[in-house]
């Protein structure tokens, strides 16, 4: 999976992701964390997804990192329950 930072400021981040499913999962988990704004857009199905995050308090990068860690923990729980 390719990830590229398009715009980076302290509380504002735009990330280019080549998978809309990953962008949607991140959006959901970021919104659960109480992030100010998290959404993605895709101009066309042949183009990459742009995930935009605006936060207050912690940096947007920290918010993504925490969301990814929570996603990993949830996936591990699911795998354990299936074994």
Protein backbone atom coordinates (compact mmCIF):
# COMPACT_ATOMS: atom_id res chain seq x y z
CA UNK A 1 0.00 0.00 0.00
CA UNK A 2 1.32 3.42 -0.93
CA UNK A 3 0.87 6.37 1.43
CA UNK A 4 2.06 9.88 0.63
CA UNK A 5 1.72 13.05 2.70
CA UNK A 6 0.25 15.75 0.49
CA UNK A 7 -0.10 18.55 3.06
CA UNK A 8 1.23 18.70 6.59
CA UNK A 9 0.69 21.30 9.25
CA UNK A 10 0.49 20.85 13.02
CA UNK A 11 -3.24 20.12 13.23
CA UNK A 12 -4.01 19.61 9.54
CA UNK A 13 -2.90 16.69 7.40
CA UNK A 14 -3.77 15.39 3.94
CA UNK A 15 -2.60 11.91 3.01
CA UNK A 16 -2.81 10.21 -0.37
CA UNK A 17 -3.77 6.53 -0.03
CA UNK A 18 -4.29 4.04 -2.85
CA UNK A 19 -7.04 2.11 -1.05
CA UNK A 20 -10.48 3.53 -0.21
CA UNK A 21 -11.22 0.73 2.27
CA UNK A 22 -8.20 1.68 4.39
CA UNK A 23 -9.16 5.35 4.16
CA UNK A 24 -12.70 4.58 5.35
CA UNK A 25 -11.53 2.45 8.28
CA UNK A 26 -9.10 5.19 9.34
CA UNK A 27 -11.85 7.80 9.04
CA UNK A 28 -14.17 5.81 11.29
CA UNK A 29 -11.53 5.23 13.94
CA UNK A 30 -10.34 8.84 13.82
CA UNK A 31 -13.90 10.09 14.33
CA UNK A 32 -14.31 7.70 17.27
CA UNK A 33 -11.25 9.36 18.84
CA UNK A 34 -13.01 12.71 18.72
CA UNK A 35 -10.92 14.23 15.95
CA UNK A 36 -12.25 17.59 14.80
CA UNK A 37 -12.61 16.46 11.14
CA UNK A 38 -11.73 13.30 9.22
CA UNK A 39 -12.97 12.57 5.72
CA UNK A 40 -11.73 11.25 2.41
CA UNK A 41 -12.45 12.05 -1.20
CA UNK A 42 -11.66 10.45 -4.52
CA UNK A 43 -11.99 12.37 -7.77
CA UNK A 44 -12.27 9.21 -9.84
CA UNK A 45 -12.00 5.48 -9.16
CA UNK A 46 -8.71 5.41 -11.08
CA UNK A 47 -7.19 8.11 -8.82
CA UNK A 48 -5.89 7.73 -5.26
CA UNK A 49 -7.93 8.68 -2.20
CA UNK A 50 -7.10 11.86 -0.26
CA UNK A 51 -7.71 11.52 3.48
CA UNK A 52 -8.01 14.88 5.27
CA UNK A 53 -7.61 15.13 9.04
CA UNK A 54 -8.01 18.20 11.21
CA UNK A 55 -7.37 17.88 14.92
CA UNK A 56 -7.30 20.04 17.98
CA UNK A 57 -5.00 19.24 20.85
CA UNK A 58 -2.81 16.43 19.50
CA UNK A 59 -1.15 16.53 16.10
CA UNK A 60 -2.86 14.90 13.13
CA UNK A 61 0.07 12.49 12.72
CA UNK A 62 -0.30 11.38 16.33
CA UNK A 63 -4.03 10.86 15.77
CA UNK A 64 -3.40 8.62 12.75
CA UNK A 65 -0.78 6.67 14.66
CA UNK A 66 -3.18 6.09 17.56
CA UNK A 67 -6.00 5.10 15.20
CA UNK A 68 -3.75 2.61 13.38
CA UNK A 69 -2.68 1.08 16.70
CA UNK A 70 -6.32 0.71 17.79
CA UNK A 71 -7.21 -0.89 14.45
CA UNK A 72 -4.34 -3.36 14.88
CA UNK A 73 -5.48 -4.27 18.40
CA UNK A 74 -9.07 -4.79 17.21
CA UNK A 75 -7.89 -7.01 14.33
CA UNK A 76 -5.77 -9.06 16.75
CA UNK A 77 -8.83 -9.56 18.99
CA UNK A 78 -10.86 -10.77 16.02
CA UNK A 79 -8.12 -13.21 14.96
CA UNK A 80 -7.86 -14.61 18.50
CA UNK A 81 -11.60 -15.15 18.69
CA UNK A 82 -11.55 -17.07 15.38
CA UNK A 83 -8.85 -19.49 16.51
